[in-house]
Amino acid sequence: MIIFEHVLQLEGLNRESVWRELEWLLRNPKLVLAGCDESSVQDTETSDGGRWLKRTKRFGDLVIEDQVALIPDSRAEIHVAAGPTWPRSWQIIRLEEAADKVLLTFSYEQENPQPSENPVFDKLRNEAYRNKDQALVDLIRQRAAQH
């Protein structure tokens, strides 16, 4: 179930250049995720040509593993297995090209989300998602300008 979704745009770039930079950043999570001390990424290809990244990210003593499905020029899906204190969740980043801009739709989903006891928590969580995604879009823009 979707718990939060929003759209950001990049003007003056095409879908291919945005995808190239997004994929590079997904392969380098330490550069994107605040507090990530170290990360490793294994790249695999399935028999049907699908591409997956298996990522391990360390935040101090906390280690989070996820898998990223790469659907070129279209979307990336980040799947996180349930942990001792969090539910199974996934994030989808969709790319659409419109005129001279690329729209990125960020969707956050959780398995069996529980209603929050405090609506301020949801507001703060969603603001953190917005800020994280805006930082990612800013990095894409910066990297695309260098290429």
C-alpha atoms as a PDB file:
ATOM      1  CA  MET A   1       0.000   0.000   0.000  1.00  0.00           C
ATOM      2  CA  ILE A   2       1.278   3.476  -0.901  1.00  0.00           C
ATOM      3  CA  ILE A   3       2.078   5.528   2.186  1.00  0.00           C
ATOM      4  CA  PHE A   4       3.489   8.561   0.357  1.00  0.00           C
ATOM      5  CA  GLU A   5       3.952   9.715  -3.240  1.00  0.00           C
ATOM      6  CA  HIS A   6       5.197  12.915  -4.863  1.00  0.00           C
ATOM      7  CA  VAL A   7       6.599  14.209  -8.158  1.00  0.00           C
ATOM      8  CA  LEU A   8       9.780  16.207  -8.827  1.00  0.00           C
ATOM      9  CA  GLN A   9      10.942  17.490 -12.191  1.00  0.00           C
ATOM     10  CA  LEU A  10      14.209  18.118 -13.962  1.00  0.00           C
ATOM     11  CA  GLU A  11      14.096  20.698 -16.721  1.00  0.00           C
ATOM     12  CA  GLY A  12      16.421  20.745 -19.714  1.00  0.00           C
ATOM     13  CA  LEU A  13      17.368  17.058 -19.466  1.00  0.00           C
ATOM     14  CA  ASN A  14      16.175  14.025 -21.360  1.00  0.00           C
ATOM     15  CA  ARG A  15      15.082  10.692 -19.950  1.00  0.00           C
ATOM     16  CA  GLU A  16      18.268   8.884 -21.029  1.00  0.00           C
ATOM     17  CA  SER A  17      20.607  11.281 -19.218  1.00  0.00           C
ATOM     18  CA  VAL A  18      18.450  11.263 -16.079  1.00  0.00           C
ATOM     19  CA  TRP A  19      18.342   7.458 -16.152  1.00  0.00           C
ATOM     20  CA  ARG A  20      22.133   7.199 -16.592  1.00  0.00           C
ATOM     21  CA  GLU A  21      22.773   9.381 -13.538  1.00  0.00           C
ATOM     22  CA  LEU A  22      20.019   7.749 -11.447  1.00  0.00           C
ATOM     23  CA  GLU A  23      21.413   4.289 -12.163  1.00  0.00           C
ATOM     24  CA  TRP A  24      24.944   5.423 -11.264  1.00  0.00           C
ATOM     25  CA  LEU A  25      23.705   6.864  -7.967  1.00  0.00           C
ATOM     26  CA  LEU A  26      21.744   3.677  -7.176  1.00  0.00           C
ATOM     27  CA  ARG A  27      25.013   1.791  -7.639  1.00  0.00           C
ATOM     28  CA  ASN A  28      26.705   4.175  -5.171  1.00  0.00           C
ATOM     29  CA  PRO A  29      24.292   4.454  -2.220  1.00  0.00           C
ATOM     30  CA  LYS A  30      26.965   5.759   0.163  1.00  0.00           C
ATOM     31  CA  LEU A  31      27.029   8.992  -1.843  1.00  0.00           C
ATOM     32  CA  VAL A  32      23.269   9.448  -1.558  1.00  0.00           C
ATOM     33  CA  LEU A  33      22.146   8.185   1.843  1.00  0.00           C
ATOM     34  CA  ALA A  34      22.900  10.358   4.855  1.00  0.00           C
ATOM     35  CA  GLY A  35      24.662   8.418   7.590  1.00  0.00           C
ATOM     36  CA  CYS A  36      25.705   5.554   5.308  1.00  0.00           C
ATOM     37  CA  ASP A  37      29.236   4.650   6.408  1.00  0.00           C
ATOM     38  CA  GLU A  38      29.895   2.027   3.764  1.00  0.00           C
ATOM     39  CA  SER A  39      28.083   0.097   1.072  1.00  0.00           C
ATOM     40  CA  SER A  40      28.592  -2.749  -1.335  1.00  0.00           C
ATOM     41  CA  VAL A  41      26.686  -3.571  -4.504  1.00  0.00           C
ATOM     42  CA  GLN A  42      26.434  -6.796  -6.476  1.00  0.00           C
ATOM     43  CA  ASP A  43      25.067  -6.563 -10.008  1.00  0.00           C
ATOM     44  CA  THR A  44      23.152  -9.518 -11.478  1.00  0.00           C
ATOM     45  CA  GLU A  45      21.283 -10.159 -14.683  1.00  0.00           C
ATOM     46  CA  THR A  46      18.383 -12.606 -14.895  1.00  0.00           C
ATOM     47  CA  SER A  47      17.837 -15.047 -17.739  1.00  0.00           C
ATOM     48  CA  ASP A  48      15.138 -12.771 -19.181  1.00  0.00           C
ATOM     49  CA  GLY A  49      17.536  -9.800 -19.316  1.00  0.00           C
ATOM     50  CA  GLY A  50      16.368  -8.135 -16.114  1.00  0.00           C
ATOM     51  CA  ARG A  51      18.970  -6.311 -14.065  1.00  0.00           C
ATOM     52  CA  TRP A  52      19.118  -6.364 -10.266  1.00  0.00           C
ATOM     53  CA  LEU A  53      21.413  -4.804  -7.724  1.00  0.00           C
ATOM     54  CA  LYS A  54      21.820  -6.400  -4.315  1.00  0.00           C
ATOM     55  CA  ARG A  55      22.993  -3.667  -1.967  1.00  0.00           C
ATOM     56  CA  THR A  56      24.295  -3.808   1.596  1.00  0.00           C
ATOM     57  CA  LYS A  57      24.399  -0.486   3.420  1.00  0.00           C
ATOM     58  CA  ARG A  58      25.939   0.095   6.836  1.00  0.00           C
ATOM     59  CA  PHE A  59      24.794   2.906   9.125  1.00  0.00           C
ATOM     60  CA  GLY A  60      26.988   2.438  12.192  1.00  0.00           C
ATOM     61  CA  ASP A  61      25.816  -0.853  13.733  1.00  0.00           C
ATOM     62  CA  LEU A  62      22.688  -1.001  11.564  1.00  0.00           C
ATOM     63  CA  VAL A  63      23.001  -2.998   8.336  1.00  0.00           C
ATOM     64  CA  ILE A  64      20.242  -2.817   5.740  1.00  0.00           C
ATOM     65  CA  GLU A  65      20.128  -4.982   2.641  1.00  0.00           C
ATOM     66  CA  ASP A  66      17.922  -4.232  -0.312  1.00  0.00           C
ATOM     67  CA  GLN A  67      17.472  -5.247  -3.909  1.00  0.00           C
ATOM     68  CA  VAL A  68      16.999  -2.813  -6.767  1.00  0.00           C
ATOM     69  CA  ALA A  69      15.247  -3.760  -9.999  1.00  0.00           C
ATOM     70  CA  LEU A  70      16.484  -1.616 -12.885  1.00  0.00           C
ATOM     71  CA  ILE A  71      14.055  -1.100 -15.761  1.00  0.00           C
ATOM     72  CA  PRO A  72      16.121   1.118 -18.112  1.00  0.00           C
ATOM     73  CA  ASP A  73      14.758   4.572 -18.956  1.00  0.00           C
ATOM     74  CA  SER A  74      11.538   3.714 -17.127  1.00  0.00           C
ATOM     75  CA  ARG A  75      11.795   2.974 -13.397  1.00  0.00           C
ATOM     76  CA  ALA A  76      13.793   1.638 -10.492  1.00  0.00           C
ATOM     77  CA  GLU A  77      12.241  -0.419  -7.703  1.00  0.00           C
ATOM     78  CA  ILE A  78      14.020  -0.634  -4.348  1.00  0.00           C
ATOM     79  CA  HIS A  79      12.835  -3.579  -2.237  1.00  0.00           C
ATOM     80  CA  VAL A  80      13.694  -3.820   1.478  1.00  0.00           C
ATOM     81  CA  ALA A  81      12.910  -7.024   3.382  1.00  0.00           C
ATOM     82  CA  ALA A  82      11.235  -6.774   6.772  1.00  0.00           C
ATOM     83  CA  GLY A  83      13.630  -6.312   9.671  1.00  0.00           C
ATOM     84  CA  PRO A  84      13.387  -6.662  13.422  1.00  0.00           C
ATOM     85  CA  THR A  85      11.747  -3.227  13.785  1.00  0.00           C
ATOM     86  CA  TRP A  86      10.437  -2.378  10.297  1.00  0.00           C
ATOM     87  CA  PRO A  87       7.985  -3.905   7.793  1.00  0.00           C
ATOM     88  CA  ARG A  88       8.753  -5.024   4.256  1.00  0.00           C
ATOM     89  CA  SER A  89       8.747  -1.934   2.070  1.00  0.00           C
ATOM     90  CA  TRP A  90       9.615  -0.726  -1.373  1.00  0.00           C
ATOM     91  CA  GLN A  91      10.183   2.506  -3.206  1.00  0.00           C
ATOM     92  CA  ILE A  92       9.494   3.028  -6.881  1.00  0.00           C
ATOM     93  CA  ILE A  93      11.047   5.840  -8.903  1.00  0.00           C
ATOM     94  CA  ARG A  94       9.289   6.317 -12.256  1.00  0.00           C
ATOM     95  CA  LEU A  95      10.633   8.479 -15.090  1.00  0.00           C
ATOM     96  CA  GLU A  96       8.423  10.212 -17.646  1.00  0.00           C
ATOM     97  CA  GLU A  97       9.491  12.683 -20.276  1.00  0.00           C
ATOM     98  CA  ALA A  98       7.284  15.714 -20.962  1.00  0.00           C
ATOM     99  CA  ALA A  99       8.339  18.532 -23.310  1.00  0.00           C
ATOM    100  CA  ASP A 100      11.752  19.726 -22.098  1.00  0.00           C
ATOM    101  CA  LYS A 101      11.632  18.089 -18.683  1.00  0.00           C
ATOM    102  CA  VAL A 102      11.699  14.723 -16.994  1.00  0.00           C
ATOM    103  CA  LEU A 103       9.184  13.963 -14.266  1.00  0.00           C
ATOM    104  CA  LEU A 104      10.271  11.660 -11.466  1.00  0.00           C
ATOM    105  CA  THR A 105       7.468  10.103  -9.428  1.00  0.00           C
ATOM    106  CA  PHE A 106       8.585   8.756  -6.063  1.00  0.00           C
ATOM    107  CA  SER A 107       6.262   6.204  -4.422  1.00  0.00           C
ATOM    108  CA  TYR A 108       6.828   4.729  -0.975  1.00  0.00           C
ATOM    109  CA  GLU A 109       4.955   1.549  -0.106  1.00  0.00           C
ATOM    110  CA  GLN A 110       4.787  -0.761   2.919  1.00  0.00           C
ATOM    111  CA  GLU A 111       3.327  -4.147   3.551  1.00  0.00           C
ATOM    112  CA  ASN A 112       0.435  -3.863   6.015  1.00  0.00           C
ATOM    113  CA  PRO A 113       1.119  -0.273   7.132  1.00  0.00           C
ATOM    114  CA  GLN A 114      -0.221   0.548  10.559  1.00  0.00           C
ATOM    115  CA  PRO A 115      -2.045   3.817  11.166  1.00  0.00           C
ATOM    116  CA  SER A 116       0.161   6.304  12.956  1.00  0.00           C
ATOM    117  CA  GLU A 117      -0.801   7.206  16.493  1.00  0.00           C
ATOM    118  CA  ASN A 118       0.542  10.694  15.900  1.00  0.00           C
ATOM    119  CA  PRO A 119      -0.120  12.474  12.569  1.00  0.00           C
ATOM    120  CA  VAL A 120       2.957  14.652  13.175  1.00  0.00           C
ATOM    121  CA  PHE A 121       5.074  11.498  12.686  1.00  0.00           C
ATOM    122  CA  ASP A 122       3.605  10.969   9.201  1.00  0.00           C
ATOM    123  CA  LYS A 123       4.177  14.608   8.307  1.00  0.00           C
ATOM    124  CA  LEU A 124       7.826  14.459   9.441  1.00  0.00           C
ATOM    125  CA  ARG A 125       8.400  11.132   7.635  1.00  0.00           C
ATOM    126  CA  ASN A 126       6.966  12.525   4.398  1.00  0.00           C
ATOM    127  CA  GLU A 127       9.079  15.670   4.705  1.00  0.00           C
ATOM    128  CA  ALA A 128      12.187  13.502   5.162  1.00  0.00           C
ATOM    129  CA  TYR A 129      11.238  11.557   2.008  1.00  0.00           C
ATOM    130  CA  ARG A 130      10.770  14.835   0.077  1.00  0.00           C
ATOM    131  CA  ASN A 131      14.130  16.181   1.252  1.00  0.00           C
ATOM    132  CA  LYS A 132      15.953  12.931   0.444  1.00  0.00           C
ATOM    133  CA  ASP A 133      14.404  12.775  -3.014  1.00  0.00           C
ATOM    134  CA  GLN A 134      15.133  16.437  -3.724  1.00  0.00           C
ATOM    135  CA  ALA A 135      18.782  15.840  -2.792  1.00  0.00           C
ATOM    136  CA  LEU A 136      18.837  12.884  -5.222  1.00  0.00           C
ATOM    137  CA  VAL A 137      17.369  15.029  -8.011  1.00  0.00           C
ATOM    138  CA  ASP A 138      19.925  17.756  -7.258  1.00  0.00           C
ATOM    139  CA  LEU A 139      22.745  15.192  -7.559  1.00  0.00           C
ATOM    140  CA  ILE A 140      21.326  13.941 -10.867  1.00  0.00           C
ATOM    141  CA  ARG A 141      21.234  17.522 -12.160  1.00  0.00           C
ATOM    142  CA  GLN A 142      24.819  18.195 -11.029  1.00  0.00           C
ATOM    143  CA  ARG A 143      26.186  14.980 -12.535  1.00  0.00           C
ATOM    144  CA  ALA A 144      24.304  15.497 -15.814  1.00  0.00           C
ATOM    145  CA  ALA A 145      25.774  19.003 -16.112  1.00  0.00           C
ATOM    146  CA  GLN A 146      29.288  17.520 -15.851  1.00  0.00           C
ATOM    147  CA  HIS A 147      28.683  15.069 -18.720  1.00  0.00           C
END
